[in-house]
């Protein structure tokens, strides 16, 4: 399952791809539609009303799925698919109801398009990064890194890795070998304090390149050797990261400086660095 924050105006709707369709946080939708200070209480009252309506299937069709909260932890949250969400919207008097319906339809339609033509997903990602101010050269590297990362996670799944925490441990092994820091330590190094800040969105060109190298080499070693258990996968991850580490060290010797940066995209110095390369 994949979690995603999708924007509606200046608010975010938590959503998750589950059973081949989008499911949306009902509380987040209620917050958008009502501007209530306590959207949870509003939804509880509305849910009770649905329960008393004979034959109403709205509550039954809401699933408790784990979504990330503001504290960075995941909790079971009432979620509804597009069809059920439309029925909930109809029960909430709000001037935002019609725009929200159009938004839901658009999100669902775009996802169907992306399944049929994956290139559309990449094109939309490009547009989002361009709007944020990233250069095309940086965006190309970032999207290439996404593809390499996906190939790696697919390979890990083939090797029997299925738990989210195991993916995180293996990823940390590559990062530690490549940069001497785990992703969480790297985020602190870059002064990224929010749980929803993606480390790779704040990496420089070189940092992205060596991240890709470590993950690509790990994928190729794994395909060749087919590690049979988690510990052997950890060893492969470390070896892949070590290849990237040696390449990084050689690069730093030639340049006379470290390529590990404290900068993040929230700071003007990283934006300037990216712009200077354009």
Protein backbone atom coordinates (compact mmCIF):
# COMPACT_ATOMS: atom_id res chain seq x y z
CA UNK A 1 0.00 0.00 0.00
CA UNK A 2 1.20 3.48 -0.82
CA UNK A 3 0.45 6.57 1.24
CA UNK A 4 0.11 9.92 -0.42
CA UNK A 5 -0.76 13.50 0.48
CA UNK A 6 -2.95 15.06 -2.19
CA UNK A 7 -3.62 18.78 -2.21
CA UNK A 8 -7.09 20.31 -2.29
CA UNK A 9 -6.62 24.04 -2.29
CA UNK A 10 -4.30 24.87 0.58
CA UNK A 11 -5.18 21.72 2.54
CA UNK A 12 -3.87 18.17 2.34
CA UNK A 13 -5.96 15.03 2.08
CA UNK A 14 -4.26 11.86 3.28
CA UNK A 15 -4.92 9.00 0.91
CA UNK A 16 -3.78 5.45 0.34
CA UNK A 17 -3.75 3.14 -2.67
CA UNK A 18 -5.54 0.01 -1.48
CA UNK A 19 -7.30 -2.79 -3.37
CA UNK A 20 -6.55 -1.10 -6.71
CA UNK A 21 -8.21 2.21 -5.87
CA UNK A 22 -7.68 5.39 -3.85
CA UNK A 23 -9.05 5.56 -0.31
CA UNK A 24 -9.29 8.99 1.33
CA UNK A 25 -9.18 10.02 4.97
CA UNK A 26 -12.76 10.88 5.91
CA UNK A 27 -11.66 13.20 8.74
CA UNK A 28 -9.44 15.16 6.34
CA UNK A 29 -12.34 15.50 3.89
CA UNK A 30 -14.67 16.64 6.68
CA UNK A 31 -12.07 19.21 7.76
CA UNK A 32 -11.92 20.60 4.21
CA UNK A 33 -15.68 20.74 3.75
CA UNK A 34 -16.65 22.14 7.17
CA UNK A 35 -13.59 24.08 8.38
CA UNK A 36 -14.46 22.46 11.72
CA UNK A 37 -11.98 22.86 14.56
CA UNK A 38 -12.78 19.29 15.56
CA UNK A 39 -13.31 17.34 12.34
CA UNK A 40 -13.04 14.07 14.27
CA UNK A 41 -16.04 14.93 16.47
CA UNK A 42 -18.01 16.09 13.42
CA UNK A 43 -17.34 12.79 11.68
CA UNK A 44 -18.30 10.77 14.75
CA UNK A 45 -21.69 12.51 14.91
CA UNK A 46 -22.20 12.09 11.17
CA UNK A 47 -21.22 8.42 11.40
CA UNK A 48 -23.78 7.89 14.15
CA UNK A 49 -26.42 9.47 11.95
CA UNK A 50 -25.48 7.13 9.12
CA UNK A 51 -25.79 4.15 11.47
CA UNK A 52 -29.35 5.11 12.43
CA UNK A 53 -30.41 5.44 8.80
CA UNK A 54 -31.91 2.09 7.87
CA UNK A 55 -30.06 0.47 5.01
CA UNK A 56 -27.17 2.95 5.03
CA UNK A 57 -23.93 1.23 3.95
CA UNK A 58 -21.66 4.25 4.27
CA UNK A 59 -20.15 3.30 7.64
CA UNK A 60 -19.80 -0.35 6.60
CA UNK A 61 -17.94 0.70 3.46
CA UNK A 62 -15.44 2.83 5.38
CA UNK A 63 -12.25 0.89 6.09
CA UNK A 64 -9.81 1.51 8.93
CA UNK A 65 -6.48 1.90 7.13
CA UNK A 66 -3.18 3.04 8.61
CA UNK A 67 -2.28 6.62 7.70
CA UNK A 68 0.52 8.80 8.99
CA UNK A 69 -0.54 11.41 11.53
CA UNK A 70 1.11 14.74 12.37
CA UNK A 71 3.35 13.02 14.94
CA UNK A 72 4.88 10.85 12.21
CA UNK A 73 3.24 7.65 13.49
CA UNK A 74 0.65 5.61 11.62
CA UNK A 75 -2.81 5.05 13.05
CA UNK A 76 -5.93 3.22 11.87
CA UNK A 77 -8.02 5.92 10.20
CA UNK A 78 -11.51 5.78 8.68
CA UNK A 79 -11.05 5.88 4.91
CA UNK A 80 -13.56 5.84 2.07
CA UNK A 81 -13.19 5.13 -1.62
CA UNK A 82 -14.45 7.60 -4.21
CA UNK A 83 -17.98 6.19 -4.36
CA UNK A 84 -18.48 6.22 -0.59
CA UNK A 85 -16.85 9.63 -0.29
CA UNK A 86 -19.41 11.05 -2.71
CA UNK A 87 -22.20 9.81 -0.42
CA UNK A 88 -20.52 11.40 2.61
CA UNK A 89 -20.12 14.71 0.78
CA UNK A 90 -23.82 14.76 -0.05
CA UNK A 91 -24.60 14.61 3.67
CA UNK A 92 -22.48 17.66 4.54
CA UNK A 93 -23.92 21.11 3.73
CA UNK A 94 -20.96 22.98 2.33
CA UNK A 95 -20.26 25.45 -0.50
CA UNK A 96 -17.11 23.40 -1.17
CA UNK A 97 -19.08 20.23 -1.93
CA UNK A 98 -19.18 20.60 -5.72
CA UNK A 99 -15.51 21.62 -6.11
CA UNK A 100 -14.57 18.71 -3.86
CA UNK A 101 -16.58 16.27 -5.99
CA UNK A 102 -14.81 17.50 -9.12
CA UNK A 103 -11.47 17.12 -7.32
CA UNK A 104 -12.27 13.53 -6.33
CA UNK A 105 -13.28 12.63 -9.87
CA UNK A 106 -10.10 14.19 -11.26
CA UNK A 107 -7.84 12.35 -8.81
CA UNK A 108 -9.47 9.01 -9.62
CA UNK A 109 -9.37 9.60 -13.37
CA UNK A 110 -5.70 10.62 -13.31
CA UNK A 111 -4.78 7.46 -11.42
CA UNK A 112 -6.55 5.29 -14.02
CA UNK A 113 -4.64 7.13 -16.74
CA UNK A 114 -1.34 6.54 -14.94
CA UNK A 115 -2.00 2.81 -14.62
CA UNK A 116 -2.68 2.58 -18.36
CA UNK A 117 0.26 4.83 -19.25
CA UNK A 118 2.95 5.07 -16.50
CA UNK A 119 4.74 7.84 -18.42
CA UNK A 120 1.89 10.17 -17.43
CA UNK A 121 2.80 9.72 -13.77
CA UNK A 122 6.38 10.77 -14.48
CA UNK A 123 5.17 13.75 -16.52
CA UNK A 124 3.00 14.91 -13.63
CA UNK A 125 5.91 14.50 -11.23
CA UNK A 126 8.05 16.66 -13.52
CA UNK A 127 5.42 19.39 -13.49
CA UNK A 128 5.20 19.34 -9.68
CA UNK A 129 8.99 19.64 -9.28
CA UNK A 130 9.14 22.42 -11.90
CA UNK A 131 6.47 24.35 -10.01
CA UNK A 132 8.57 24.03 -6.85
CA UNK A 133 11.55 25.58 -8.64
CA UNK A 134 13.77 22.59 -9.42
CA UNK A 135 15.73 22.60 -12.67
CA UNK A 136 15.06 20.11 -15.47
CA UNK A 137 18.52 18.60 -15.07
CA UNK A 138 17.91 17.91 -11.37
CA UNK A 139 14.41 16.58 -12.09
CA UNK A 140 15.76 14.10 -14.65
CA UNK A 141 18.14 12.68 -12.03
CA UNK A 142 15.41 12.56 -9.40
CA UNK A 143 13.01 10.67 -11.67
CA UNK A 144 15.76 8.29 -12.76
CA UNK A 145 16.42 7.67 -9.08
CA UNK A 146 12.74 6.83 -8.56
CA UNK A 147 12.93 4.16 -11.30
CA UNK A 148 16.14 2.67 -9.86
CA UNK A 149 14.61 2.63 -6.38
CA UNK A 150 11.52 0.85 -7.69
CA UNK A 151 13.66 -1.79 -9.38
CA UNK A 152 15.49 -2.33 -6.09
CA UNK A 153 12.33 -2.74 -4.02
CA UNK A 154 10.93 -5.15 -6.62
CA UNK A 155 14.13 -7.18 -6.35
CA UNK A 156 13.90 -7.21 -2.56
CA UNK A 157 10.32 -8.46 -2.81
CA UNK A 158 11.53 -11.27 -5.07
CA UNK A 159 14.03 -12.17 -2.34
CA UNK A 160 11.19 -12.46 0.21
CA UNK A 161 11.42 -9.01 1.82
CA UNK A 162 7.90 -7.83 2.66
CA UNK A 163 7.93 -5.82 5.90
CA UNK A 164 8.20 -2.02 5.75
CA UNK A 165 10.74 -2.00 8.57
CA UNK A 166 12.95 -4.46 6.66
CA UNK A 167 12.94 -2.22 3.59
CA UNK A 168 13.96 0.66 5.87
CA UNK A 169 16.80 -1.36 7.43
CA UNK A 170 18.20 -2.39 4.04
CA UNK A 171 17.92 1.18 2.74
CA UNK A 172 19.75 2.44 5.82
CA UNK A 173 22.50 -0.13 5.19
CA UNK A 174 23.12 1.25 1.68
CA UNK A 175 23.02 4.85 2.89
CA UNK A 176 25.36 4.19 5.82
CA UNK A 177 27.88 2.52 3.53
CA UNK A 178 27.61 5.24 0.86
CA UNK A 179 27.54 8.38 2.98
CA UNK A 180 28.38 7.24 6.51
CA UNK A 181 24.85 8.14 7.64
CA UNK A 182 21.45 6.47 7.74
CA UNK A 183 18.58 8.38 6.04
CA UNK A 184 17.31 9.64 9.43
CA UNK A 185 20.80 10.86 10.34
CA UNK A 186 21.13 12.44 6.91
CA UNK A 187 17.86 14.33 7.40
CA UNK A 188 19.20 15.76 10.67
CA UNK A 189 22.43 16.68 8.84
CA UNK A 190 20.31 18.67 6.39
CA UNK A 191 18.15 20.19 9.14
CA UNK A 192 15.01 18.44 7.88
CA UNK A 193 12.73 18.08 10.88
CA UNK A 194 9.33 17.28 9.35
CA UNK A 195 8.31 13.63 8.89
CA UNK A 196 6.80 14.37 5.47
CA UNK A 197 10.03 15.90 4.08
CA UNK A 198 11.55 13.48 1.58
CA UNK A 199 15.34 13.39 1.98
CA UNK A 200 15.95 12.84 -1.74
CA UNK A 201 14.00 15.98 -2.63
CA UNK A 202 16.71 17.87 -0.73
CA UNK A 203 19.74 16.17 -2.23
CA UNK A 204 22.19 17.82 -4.59
CA UNK A 205 23.11 16.32 -7.98
CA UNK A 206 26.09 14.40 -6.56
CA UNK A 207 24.10 13.08 -3.62
CA UNK A 208 21.41 11.79 -5.97
CA UNK A 209 24.02 10.22 -8.26
CA UNK A 210 25.76 8.28 -5.49
CA UNK A 211 22.41 7.23 -4.01
CA UNK A 212 21.43 5.83 -7.40
CA UNK A 213 24.79 4.09 -7.80
CA UNK A 214 24.53 2.34 -4.42
CA UNK A 215 21.00 1.16 -5.10
CA UNK A 216 21.68 0.10 -8.69
CA UNK A 217 24.74 -1.96 -7.72
CA UNK A 218 22.80 -3.55 -4.86
CA UNK A 219 20.06 -4.54 -7.30
CA UNK A 220 22.51 -6.10 -9.76
CA UNK A 221 24.40 -8.05 -7.06
CA UNK A 222 21.10 -9.33 -5.66
CA UNK A 223 19.89 -10.46 -9.07
CA UNK A 224 23.14 -12.30 -9.63
CA UNK A 225 23.54 -13.93 -6.21
CA UNK A 226 19.87 -14.24 -5.13
CA UNK A 227 20.44 -13.87 -1.34
CA UNK A 228 18.27 -16.38 0.50
CA UNK A 229 17.61 -14.57 3.78
CA UNK A 230 17.46 -11.13 5.37
CA UNK A 231 21.02 -11.13 6.72
CA UNK A 232 22.42 -12.00 3.30
CA UNK A 233 20.34 -9.17 1.80
CA UNK A 234 21.90 -6.83 4.37
CA UNK A 235 25.38 -7.94 3.29
CA UNK A 236 24.51 -7.31 -0.35
CA UNK A 237 23.11 -3.86 0.53
CA UNK A 238 26.33 -2.96 2.33
CA UNK A 239 28.43 -4.13 -0.63
CA UNK A 240 26.35 -2.05 -3.03
CA UNK A 241 26.74 0.98 -0.79
CA UNK A 242 30.49 0.40 -0.51
CA UNK A 243 30.85 0.63 -4.29
CA UNK A 244 29.14 4.03 -4.17
CA UNK A 245 31.28 5.06 -1.17
CA UNK A 246 34.55 4.40 -3.03
CA UNK A 247 33.25 6.31 -6.06
CA UNK A 248 32.26 9.19 -3.79
CA UNK A 249 35.67 9.26 -2.08
CA UNK A 250 37.49 9.27 -5.43
CA UNK A 251 35.26 12.11 -6.62
CA UNK A 252 35.92 14.12 -3.47
CA UNK A 253 39.69 13.66 -3.90
CA UNK A 254 39.48 15.02 -7.44
CA UNK A 255 37.27 17.94 -6.44
CA UNK A 256 39.05 18.70 -3.19
CA UNK A 257 35.79 18.94 -1.27
CA UNK A 258 33.06 16.80 0.21
CA UNK A 259 29.96 16.12 -1.87
CA UNK A 260 27.92 15.50 1.29
CA UNK A 261 25.98 18.72 1.77
CA UNK A 262 24.16 20.28 4.70
CA UNK A 263 22.00 22.22 2.26
CA UNK A 264 18.34 21.48 1.66
CA UNK A 265 15.93 22.86 -0.92
CA UNK A 266 14.38 25.09 1.71
CA UNK A 267 17.61 27.08 1.80
CA UNK A 268 18.58 29.56 -0.88
CA UNK A 269 22.11 28.15 -1.16
CA UNK A 270 20.91 24.81 -2.52
CA UNK A 271 18.54 26.49 -4.94
CA UNK A 272 21.41 28.65 -6.16
CA UNK A 273 23.67 25.59 -6.51
CA UNK A 274 21.07 23.85 -8.65
CA UNK A 275 20.44 27.00 -10.72
CA UNK A 276 24.17 27.49 -11.32
CA UNK A 277 24.36 24.03 -12.88
CA UNK A 278 21.55 24.82 -15.32
